Each structure stands twice: as structure tokens, then as C-alpha cells.
Amino acid sequence: MTRPPRAVPTMPWFPVRELLLTILPSLLTVIILLVGYLPVRADLERTGNLWTSYPYESIVNSLFLYHLDREDPRTPTARLDSARQQIESSLRNPAEFQFPPIQAVEAHGPARLQRVRALFATGRERDLHEAIQEAIRLNVQAHEYIIQLREVYVGQLRRVQWYMLGAALASGLMGVLLTGRLLQRWQRERRARDAEARDTQHMLAMASHELRRPLQKLLLVSDLLRDSHTRERQQELLELLEDAAVQVASRSDLARLEDLFSDTTLDLKPTDLRTLISPFVGPRVYLTLPPLPVVRAVDTRRIRQAIENLVENALKHTRTLVQVELHAHRDVTEIHVVDDGAGLSEEVRARAFEAFYRAPGQSNPGRGLGLTIARQFARAHGGDVDLIAEPGGGTRAILRLGSMTRVP
């Protein structure tokens, strides 16, 4: 019946796991951007600057100017020779046609640089015209190739754009999930702290409630002891005083406070229940006990406290007397505490065992813990406490012990 102590989670100021979760959105964003950016960068580095067809336009212009110079009789021969040499040098130099590469440009149509070179090398006017046309067609192919490249790059950039959008969405989603996780953890820890605080408050309230009765008994017995004159009476009062002192000592041990009022660890011993009930007889308490011993394995302190609480509660409501009955059968052991008060409504009986609950309009002093503690101790013995309305008014509290208390 021992309940393990509540383990309240503790969290370091900033644990490694939470740190990793915090940087995860940024890390995911970087990875997604790199996946989209690196292929585009590789394409740019591989193909170079292909946004202009200047070399091919330059060849067309050079051939066209050379043709005009040849048509002009005033053009010096030296100038024509120099222009021809420059054109031939450009046509023979592969480095002139690296941007964009001549192989890629020629793949876009029938025009070929080699044909321009061959036609120009003849020096004939007709071949020069044909070389100019071939150079123009080659320049058109270069423009078409550049347009195709632009479409490829636009597609790559759009892909990067989608990667960036996906990275932003993923980062935002991870941020929301992380925030939700941290908020959930904070709420869980706050609830655990609140539950611990409530348990502590509950435990202290029960301790205060249970200490009050033996302290009152000590005060009463000490007053009676002053006025007693016979040795027998003094001995009787001293025994009561000793019993009250033992109860105070057992209930005020702060080192065992949680064990006494929260975990309810039992110290079971075979006990005649009649001896536990007999001391409750008094001017307003009537006992009905069987003639034979009723021996059960119980924690005497717990059962005595439970009976005290039930009797005290009944005395607050009864009009005349409180009757305490012990019923023992083969499988059932019950202690009944009956009052003849106004009785309790069904709603009040349903909530009477809630900690700190007091019925509406209740003027009697108390914290609303007596029945709660009585049920807790009864359930620790495998039983329970129930409240039943008596015919004609009043309430019958039944403390039932479980089969675990039977003694072979």
C-alpha cells in the first residue's frame, strides 16, 4: 500500500536537447538553401558568363567593315591587308569563341565557324558575301543559345526561390513546434509544482487537523488531574495523559509527516477492535460491541484516528447521542457511527469526502478534512468509508475493513 513519492521533474537552465531543438530550424534552413543553391552555382561556374554573343557579333562587324573597305577604291592597300590579317587571326584563335563556346553555338544550327574561315580565306568577293551571311547565321545561333541558357538559369533561380520558400515554411513550422513543445513542458512542470504545493498544503492541513484533538485531550486531562484526589482517579488520568502524549508525538514527527498523512504506510498488528472502540464511550457516545473479541490486523493509530474523526463529525450533527457499533462477520468487519441529526443531502454526501469541503451553511468549526482522512486510512486497509442516510433523519457512517485485515 505504499505509494512512491512524487518525482517532480527538474530542468536545467538550458539542456543540450533543447539547445539542439532551438537551432534545428536555422540548420534546416541552411541545408535547404544549400541544396537549392549549390547546383545553380555549379552551373554558373561550369558555363561561365554566357549572357553576351559579343565575339560572334564582332566577327560579323569585322567582315562587314572589311567588305565596305574593299568596295571603296580610296582604301589603302595596307589598311585592307591589316584588316584581313586581324580577321584571319580571330577566326583561327579558339580563345575568341569561348563565351559562349563554339561547340554549343554550332549545335543550335547549320552555321559553322570553319565555313566562315574557309570562305574568307579564298579572298573572292562572292565568297566574302557568303562568309558574311554564314557569320550572321552563326551569330543568330549564339543568340538562340543564350536565350536557352537564360531560360535554364531562370528555372534554376525559380527553384532556389521555391527552396527558400520551403526553408522559410519549414523553419516557421519547426519554430512553432518547438515553441509548442517548450510551452507544453513549461505547463507540465508548472502543474507538477502546483500539484506538489497542493499536496504539501493538504498534508500540513491534515497534520494540523489531527494534532488538534490530542492537544485538546492533553489540556482537558491536565485540568482534571489538578482536581483529582484519589490515587485510582489520578492513575486513570495519567494513563489518558500518556495516551494523548503518545498521539501527539506520533502525529507531530515532521520527519515522518509524509508517511503519516500522505503515503499511509501501515504498521499492521493483530488487535482486538473492541479495545480500540471502548475508549470512545462517553456522556454522548453509546457503544454496541460484540461479546467475543474481534481480532483484525490493523494499524491501531490509523484506525483510531479514523474512528475519532467519524465520532467527532457525528457529535457535531447529532441532537442527542452518537451510537458506535462494531459488526463482525466471516468476511465483513464494519464500524458504524450513527447520529440522529438533520441528515445530509445526497449532494453533500457525494462531496463529503473531498478535502476541505464543507456543506453549505455549515457553522460548526473544522477544516473539512475529518472524513477525507478517515476514508484514506480505511482504503489503506483495503476497505472504505460510506455515508448512508438514516430513516427519519440522521446519518450512518460505515467504516469497512478489507479482507487483508483478517487474521488466520
Protein backbone atom coordinates (compact mmCIF):
# COMPACT_ATOMS: atom_id res chain seq x y z
CA MET A 1 0.00 0.00 0.00
CA THR A 2 3.00 2.25 -0.13
CA ARG A 3 2.75 4.95 -2.75
CA PRO A 4 6.10 6.07 -4.21
CA PRO A 5 6.92 9.71 -3.55
CA ARG A 6 6.05 12.10 -6.31
CA ALA A 7 9.01 12.84 -8.56
CA VAL A 8 8.91 16.44 -9.65
CA PRO A 9 10.77 16.91 -12.95
CA THR A 10 13.66 19.26 -12.85
CA MET A 11 15.03 21.02 -15.90
CA PRO A 12 18.48 22.51 -16.28
CA TRP A 13 18.63 26.13 -17.30
CA PHE A 14 19.21 25.23 -20.95
CA PRO A 15 19.72 21.50 -21.60
CA VAL A 16 21.59 20.23 -24.64
CA ARG A 17 18.47 18.69 -26.17
CA GLU A 18 16.57 21.95 -26.00
CA LEU A 19 19.58 23.77 -27.43
CA LEU A 20 19.64 21.42 -30.40
CA LEU A 21 15.93 21.87 -30.92
CA THR A 22 16.40 25.62 -30.82
CA ILE A 23 19.00 25.68 -33.60
CA LEU A 24 17.25 22.97 -35.64
CA PRO A 25 15.06 25.43 -37.66
CA SER A 26 18.09 27.51 -38.65
CA LEU A 27 20.10 24.39 -39.50
CA LEU A 28 17.24 23.06 -41.63
CA THR A 29 17.00 26.39 -43.45
CA VAL A 30 20.73 26.36 -44.25
CA ILE A 31 20.56 22.78 -45.55
CA ILE A 32 17.59 23.50 -47.81
CA LEU A 33 19.20 26.67 -49.20
CA LEU A 34 22.46 24.84 -49.88
CA VAL A 35 20.62 22.05 -51.68
CA GLY A 36 18.98 24.63 -53.96
CA TYR A 37 21.94 26.99 -54.35
CA LEU A 38 24.87 24.68 -54.97
CA PRO A 39 23.59 23.20 -58.28
CA VAL A 40 22.97 26.70 -59.67
CA ARG A 41 26.41 27.81 -58.58
CA ALA A 42 27.97 24.74 -60.20
CA ASP A 43 26.21 25.50 -63.47
CA LEU A 44 27.42 29.10 -63.41
CA GLU A 45 30.99 28.08 -62.66
CA ARG A 46 30.94 25.42 -65.38
CA THR A 47 29.49 27.56 -68.21
CA GLY A 48 30.90 30.94 -67.33
CA ASN A 49 29.49 34.26 -68.47
CA LEU A 50 27.19 33.43 -71.37
CA TRP A 51 24.97 36.47 -71.33
CA THR A 52 26.56 38.08 -74.45
CA SER A 53 27.40 36.97 -78.02
CA TYR A 54 29.96 39.73 -78.47
CA PRO A 55 32.67 37.55 -80.21
CA TYR A 56 30.21 36.50 -82.90
CA GLU A 57 28.84 40.00 -83.35
CA SER A 58 32.43 41.25 -83.60
CA ILE A 59 33.21 38.81 -86.45
CA VAL A 60 30.09 39.96 -88.35
CA ASN A 61 31.04 43.62 -87.89
CA SER A 62 34.66 42.99 -88.90
CA LEU A 63 33.64 41.13 -92.07
CA PHE A 64 31.07 43.79 -92.95
CA LEU A 65 33.59 46.65 -92.49
CA TYR A 66 36.19 44.76 -94.48
CA HIS A 67 33.66 44.36 -97.30
CA LEU A 68 32.95 48.13 -97.24
CA ASP A 69 36.66 48.93 -97.34
CA ARG A 70 37.12 46.68 -100.36
CA GLU A 71 34.24 48.39 -102.15
CA ASP A 72 35.87 51.79 -101.55
CA PRO A 73 38.67 52.42 -104.08
CA ARG A 74 40.18 55.07 -101.79
CA THR A 75 41.00 52.47 -99.10
CA PRO A 76 44.78 51.98 -98.87
CA THR A 77 46.05 48.51 -99.57
CA ALA A 78 47.94 48.44 -96.29
CA ARG A 79 44.71 49.03 -94.38
CA LEU A 80 42.98 46.20 -96.20
CA ASP A 81 45.88 43.85 -95.52
CA SER A 82 45.88 44.77 -91.85
CA ALA A 83 42.12 44.24 -91.54
CA ARG A 84 42.34 40.90 -93.32
CA GLN A 85 45.12 39.71 -91.05
CA GLN A 86 43.13 40.66 -87.91
CA ILE A 87 40.02 38.79 -89.17
CA GLU A 88 42.06 35.69 -90.07
CA SER A 89 43.74 35.79 -86.67
CA SER A 90 40.35 35.98 -84.89
CA LEU A 91 38.87 33.16 -86.95
CA ARG A 92 41.87 30.91 -86.20
CA ASN A 93 42.03 31.69 -82.48
CA PRO A 94 39.71 29.33 -80.47
CA ALA A 95 40.03 31.54 -77.42
CA GLU A 96 37.96 34.19 -79.18
CA PHE A 97 34.93 31.88 -79.15
CA GLN A 98 34.88 30.53 -75.63
CA PHE A 99 32.00 32.75 -74.45
CA PRO A 100 29.75 31.15 -75.41
CA PRO A 101 31.59 28.01 -76.55
CA ILE A 102 31.63 27.47 -80.31
CA GLN A 103 30.62 23.79 -79.94
CA ALA A 104 27.40 24.71 -78.12
CA VAL A 105 26.61 27.51 -80.61
CA GLU A 106 27.14 25.32 -83.66
CA ALA A 107 24.87 22.66 -82.09
CA HIS A 108 21.96 25.11 -82.46
CA GLY A 109 22.01 25.30 -86.26
CA PRO A 110 23.81 24.56 -89.55
CA ALA A 111 26.15 27.57 -89.48
CA ARG A 112 29.81 26.70 -88.82
CA LEU A 113 32.81 28.86 -87.95
CA GLN A 114 35.05 26.67 -90.11
CA ARG A 115 32.95 27.53 -93.17
CA VAL A 116 33.29 31.27 -92.42
CA ARG A 117 37.07 30.79 -92.18
CA ALA A 118 37.21 28.82 -95.45
CA LEU A 119 35.06 31.28 -97.41
CA PHE A 120 37.04 34.27 -96.16
CA ALA A 121 40.35 32.62 -96.98
CA THR A 122 39.52 32.49 -100.72
CA GLY A 123 39.58 36.27 -100.98
CA ARG A 124 36.86 36.27 -103.65
CA GLU A 125 34.08 38.84 -103.41
CA ARG A 126 31.32 36.28 -103.78
CA ASP A 127 32.82 34.12 -101.06
CA LEU A 128 33.15 37.20 -98.84
CA HIS A 129 29.41 37.82 -99.17
CA GLU A 130 28.75 34.20 -98.33
CA ALA A 131 31.15 34.39 -95.34
CA ILE A 132 29.25 37.41 -94.03
CA GLN A 133 25.91 35.53 -94.31
CA GLU A 134 27.40 32.50 -92.61
CA ALA A 135 28.77 34.70 -89.79
CA ILE A 136 25.33 36.30 -89.39
CA ARG A 137 23.70 32.87 -89.12
CA LEU A 138 26.33 31.83 -86.56
CA ASN A 139 25.59 34.98 -84.54
CA VAL A 140 21.86 34.14 -84.61
CA GLN A 141 22.64 30.68 -83.29
CA ALA A 142 24.70 32.27 -80.50
CA HIS A 143 21.71 34.46 -79.57
CA GLU A 144 19.42 31.40 -79.52
CA TYR A 145 21.86 29.55 -77.29
CA ILE A 146 21.99 32.50 -74.88
CA ILE A 147 18.18 32.62 -74.76
CA GLN A 148 18.12 28.93 -73.91
CA LEU A 149 20.69 29.49 -71.17
CA ARG A 150 18.65 32.32 -69.76
CA GLU A 151 15.64 30.01 -69.55
CA VAL A 152 17.74 27.42 -67.76
CA TYR A 153 19.04 30.00 -65.29
CA VAL A 154 15.59 31.40 -64.70
CA GLY A 155 14.41 27.88 -63.93
CA GLN A 156 17.32 27.40 -61.55
CA LEU A 157 16.60 30.69 -59.83
CA ARG A 158 12.95 29.78 -59.51
CA ARG A 159 13.98 26.50 -57.97
CA VAL A 160 16.13 28.40 -55.48
CA GLN A 161 13.16 30.65 -54.82
CA TRP A 162 10.99 27.61 -54.02
CA TYR A 163 13.75 26.19 -51.86
CA MET A 164 13.90 29.47 -49.95
CA LEU A 165 10.13 29.49 -49.55
CA GLY A 166 10.21 25.88 -48.37
CA ALA A 167 13.04 26.71 -45.99
CA ALA A 168 11.07 29.64 -44.57
CA LEU A 169 7.97 27.48 -44.14
CA ALA A 170 9.93 24.62 -42.61
CA SER A 171 11.75 26.99 -40.29
CA GLY A 172 8.48 28.60 -39.26
CA LEU A 173 6.85 25.23 -38.68
CA MET A 174 9.79 23.99 -36.64
CA GLY A 175 9.70 27.20 -34.65
CA VAL A 176 6.01 26.74 -33.92
CA LEU A 177 6.54 23.09 -32.95
CA LEU A 178 9.49 23.99 -30.75
CA THR A 179 7.57 26.79 -29.09
CA GLY A 180 4.66 24.43 -28.52
CA ARG A 181 6.97 21.80 -27.07
CA LEU A 182 8.63 24.25 -24.70
CA LEU A 183 5.23 25.66 -23.70
CA GLN A 184 3.90 22.15 -23.08
CA ARG A 185 6.93 21.30 -20.98
CA TRP A 186 6.61 24.52 -19.04
CA GLN A 187 2.93 23.82 -18.38
CA ARG A 188 3.70 20.24 -17.33
CA GLU A 189 6.34 21.41 -14.88
CA ARG A 190 4.07 24.16 -13.58
CA ARG A 191 1.30 21.62 -13.00
CA ALA A 192 3.79 19.36 -11.22
CA ARG A 193 4.89 22.25 -8.98
CA ASP A 194 1.28 23.21 -8.31
CA ALA A 195 0.42 19.60 -7.50
CA GLU A 196 3.39 19.40 -5.14
CA ALA A 197 2.31 22.63 -3.45
CA ARG A 198 -1.25 21.32 -3.10
CA ASP A 199 0.00 18.03 -1.70
CA THR A 200 2.16 19.86 0.81
CA GLN A 201 -0.72 22.12 1.82
CA HIS A 202 -3.02 19.13 2.09
CA MET A 203 -0.51 17.21 4.17
CA LEU A 204 0.09 20.11 6.56
CA ALA A 205 -3.62 20.74 6.90
CA MET A 206 -4.21 17.08 7.78
CA ALA A 207 -1.38 17.16 10.29
CA SER A 208 -2.83 20.28 11.91
CA HIS A 209 -6.28 18.70 11.94
CA GLU A 210 -5.04 15.50 13.60
CA LEU A 211 -2.85 17.28 16.15
CA ARG A 212 -5.69 19.40 17.43
CA ARG A 213 -7.60 16.55 19.10
CA PRO A 214 -4.79 15.02 21.23
CA LEU A 215 -3.69 18.52 22.25
CA GLN A 216 -7.23 19.29 23.41
CA LYS A 217 -7.24 15.98 25.25
CA LEU A 218 -3.97 16.90 26.97
CA LEU A 219 -5.41 20.19 28.16
CA LEU A 220 -8.61 18.58 29.40
CA VAL A 221 -6.85 15.74 31.24
CA SER A 222 -4.35 18.14 32.83
CA ASP A 223 -7.24 20.22 34.19
CA LEU A 224 -8.97 17.10 35.54
CA LEU A 225 -5.73 15.92 37.07
CA ARG A 226 -5.50 19.06 39.18
CA ASP A 227 -8.89 18.37 40.74
CA SER A 228 -8.43 14.64 41.27
CA HIS A 229 -7.83 13.47 44.85
CA THR A 230 -7.85 9.69 44.73
CA ARG A 231 -4.95 7.62 43.62
CA GLU A 232 -7.13 5.50 41.33
CA ARG A 233 -8.51 8.57 39.56
CA GLN A 234 -5.04 10.06 39.18
CA GLN A 235 -3.75 6.77 37.73
CA GLU A 236 -6.63 6.71 35.24
CA LEU A 237 -6.00 10.31 34.17
CA LEU A 238 -2.25 9.69 33.89
CA GLU A 239 -2.93 6.82 31.51
CA LEU A 240 -5.14 9.11 29.42
CA LEU A 241 -2.45 11.77 29.57
CA GLU A 242 0.19 9.29 28.44
CA ASP A 243 -2.02 8.09 25.59
CA ALA A 244 -2.61 11.68 24.41
CA ALA A 245 1.12 12.44 24.63
CA VAL A 246 1.91 9.35 22.51
CA GLN A 247 -0.62 10.50 19.90
CA VAL A 248 0.90 13.99 19.81
CA ALA A 249 4.40 12.58 19.45
CA SER A 250 3.43 10.22 16.63
CA ARG A 251 1.46 12.85 14.73
CA SER A 252 3.96 15.68 15.11
CA ASP A 253 7.05 13.85 13.85
CA LEU A 254 7.86 16.09 10.91
CA ALA A 255 10.42 13.64 9.58
CA ARG A 256 7.56 11.13 9.10
CA LEU A 257 4.91 13.65 8.17
CA GLU A 258 4.51 12.46 4.58
CA ASP A 259 4.42 8.83 5.69
CA LEU A 260 1.76 9.60 8.30
CA PHE A 261 -0.63 11.64 6.19
CA SER A 262 0.24 11.10 2.55
CA ASP A 263 1.74 7.69 1.76
CA THR A 264 -0.12 5.92 4.59
CA THR A 265 2.44 3.24 5.29
CA LEU A 266 0.76 0.79 7.65
CA ASP A 267 2.07 -0.93 10.77
CA LEU A 268 -0.30 -3.88 10.89
CA LYS A 269 -0.69 -5.75 14.17
CA PRO A 270 -3.38 -8.20 15.38
CA THR A 271 -5.67 -6.08 17.53
CA ASP A 272 -8.99 -6.61 19.23
CA LEU A 273 -11.11 -3.88 17.70
CA ARG A 274 -13.19 -3.68 20.86
CA THR A 275 -10.18 -2.25 22.69
CA LEU A 276 -9.88 0.49 20.06
CA ILE A 277 -13.55 1.43 20.29
CA SER A 278 -14.01 1.17 24.06
CA PRO A 279 -12.24 4.46 24.93
CA PHE A 280 -14.79 6.42 22.88
CA VAL A 281 -17.60 5.77 25.33
CA GLY A 282 -18.82 8.99 26.94
CA PRO A 283 -21.82 11.03 28.03
CA ARG A 284 -22.94 11.45 24.40
CA VAL A 285 -21.39 8.34 22.86
CA TYR A 286 -23.03 4.91 23.28
CA LEU A 287 -21.19 1.72 22.26
CA THR A 288 -22.57 -1.56 20.94
CA LEU A 289 -19.84 -4.21 20.94
CA PRO A 290 -19.96 -7.99 20.40
CA PRO A 291 -19.22 -10.19 23.41
CA LEU A 292 -16.32 -12.02 21.76
CA PRO A 293 -13.01 -10.47 20.66
CA VAL A 294 -12.83 -9.20 17.10
CA VAL A 295 -9.16 -9.53 16.18
CA ARG A 296 -8.02 -7.94 12.97
CA ALA A 297 -4.58 -6.98 11.60
CA VAL A 298 -4.78 -3.18 11.63
CA ASP A 299 -2.66 -0.12 12.17
CA THR A 300 -4.06 0.90 15.54
CA ARG A 301 -3.10 4.57 15.21
CA ARG A 302 -4.70 4.89 11.78
CA ILE A 303 -7.94 3.11 12.70
CA ARG A 304 -8.19 5.06 15.96
CA GLN A 305 -7.77 8.32 14.05
CA ALA A 306 -10.41 7.26 11.55
CA ILE A 307 -12.90 6.37 14.32
CA GLU A 308 -12.11 9.64 16.13
CA ASN A 309 -12.86 11.62 13.00
CA LEU A 310 -16.16 9.82 12.42
CA VAL A 311 -17.25 10.23 16.05
CA GLU A 312 -16.23 13.88 16.14
CA ASN A 313 -18.13 14.54 12.91
CA ALA A 314 -21.22 12.78 14.28
CA LEU A 315 -21.11 14.76 17.54
CA LYS A 316 -21.24 17.99 15.52
CA HIS A 317 -24.54 16.97 13.92
CA THR A 318 -26.36 14.77 16.43
CA ARG A 319 -29.27 16.01 18.54
CA THR A 320 -28.87 13.55 21.43
CA LEU A 321 -26.45 10.63 21.31
CA VAL A 322 -23.94 9.11 18.91
CA GLN A 323 -24.02 5.34 18.62
CA VAL A 324 -20.86 3.38 17.72
CA GLU A 325 -21.41 -0.22 16.61
CA LEU A 326 -18.96 -2.99 15.78
CA HIS A 327 -20.22 -5.60 13.33
CA ALA A 328 -18.05 -8.61 12.63
CA HIS A 329 -18.95 -11.44 10.29
CA ARG A 330 -16.86 -14.01 8.50
CA ASP A 331 -15.82 -11.77 5.59
CA VAL A 332 -17.08 -8.38 6.72
CA THR A 333 -15.84 -6.13 9.51
CA GLU A 334 -17.63 -2.81 9.90
CA ILE A 335 -17.64 0.00 12.43
CA HIS A 336 -20.83 2.08 12.31
CA VAL A 337 -21.08 5.60 13.72
CA VAL A 338 -24.69 6.82 13.79
CA ASP A 339 -26.08 10.25 14.66
CA ASP A 340 -29.69 11.45 14.85
CA GLY A 341 -29.12 14.88 13.35
CA ALA A 342 -30.90 16.53 10.44
CA GLY A 343 -29.03 14.33 7.98
CA LEU A 344 -27.14 15.19 4.84
CA SER A 345 -28.49 15.72 1.36
CA GLU A 346 -27.42 13.37 -1.41
CA GLU A 347 -25.27 16.12 -2.95
CA VAL A 348 -23.47 16.78 0.33
CA ARG A 349 -22.89 13.04 0.94
CA ALA A 350 -21.40 12.74 -2.54
CA ARG A 351 -18.86 15.50 -1.83
CA ALA A 352 -18.34 14.98 1.90
CA PHE A 353 -15.05 13.12 1.39
CA GLU A 354 -13.46 15.87 -0.71
CA ALA A 355 -10.59 17.59 1.08
CA PHE A 356 -11.57 20.97 2.59
CA TYR A 357 -15.22 20.57 1.55
CA ARG A 358 -17.80 21.95 3.98
CA ALA A 359 -21.52 21.71 3.47
CA PRO A 360 -23.31 24.98 2.62
CA GLY A 361 -24.46 26.79 5.75
CA GLN A 362 -22.13 24.75 7.96
CA SER A 363 -21.39 26.71 11.13
CA ASN A 364 -19.52 24.06 13.11
CA PRO A 365 -15.74 24.64 13.32
CA GLY A 366 -13.46 22.49 11.23
CA ARG A 367 -11.38 22.30 8.08
CA GLY A 368 -13.37 19.72 6.17
CA LEU A 369 -10.66 17.06 6.48
CA GLY A 370 -12.02 14.56 9.02
CA LEU A 371 -13.93 12.37 6.58
CA THR A 372 -11.15 12.67 3.99
CA ILE A 373 -8.59 11.27 6.43
CA ALA A 374 -10.95 8.56 7.67
CA ARG A 375 -11.56 7.30 4.11
CA GLN A 376 -7.84 7.46 3.31
CA PHE A 377 -6.95 5.28 6.29
CA ALA A 378 -9.83 2.87 5.63
CA ARG A 379 -8.80 2.42 1.99
CA ALA A 380 -5.23 1.83 3.12
CA HIS A 381 -6.67 -1.18 5.00
CA GLY A 382 -8.42 -2.41 1.84
CA GLY A 383 -11.79 -1.01 2.89
CA ASP A 384 -13.70 2.25 2.64
CA VAL A 385 -15.99 4.70 4.41
CA ASP A 386 -19.55 5.35 3.22
CA LEU A 387 -22.30 7.69 4.41
CA ILE A 388 -25.89 6.42 4.43
CA ALA A 389 -28.99 8.41 5.26
CA GLU A 390 -30.88 7.01 8.28
CA PRO A 391 -34.68 6.62 8.10
CA GLY A 392 -36.27 9.53 9.94
CA GLY A 393 -33.11 11.66 9.83
CA GLY A 394 -29.50 11.31 10.75
CA THR A 395 -26.52 9.75 9.07
CA ARG A 396 -24.81 6.38 9.39
CA ALA A 397 -21.07 6.40 8.67
CA ILE A 398 -19.77 2.90 7.92
CA LEU A 399 -16.04 2.21 8.19
CA ARG A 400 -15.43 -1.09 6.43
CA LEU A 401 -12.17 -3.04 6.71
CA GLY A 402 -10.86 -5.11 3.83
CA SER A 403 -10.08 -8.82 3.72
CA MET A 404 -6.38 -8.03 4.18
CA THR A 405 -7.04 -7.36 7.85
CA ARG A 406 -8.31 -10.85 8.59
CA VAL A 407 -6.15 -12.87 10.98
CA PRO A 408 -5.82 -16.62 10.26
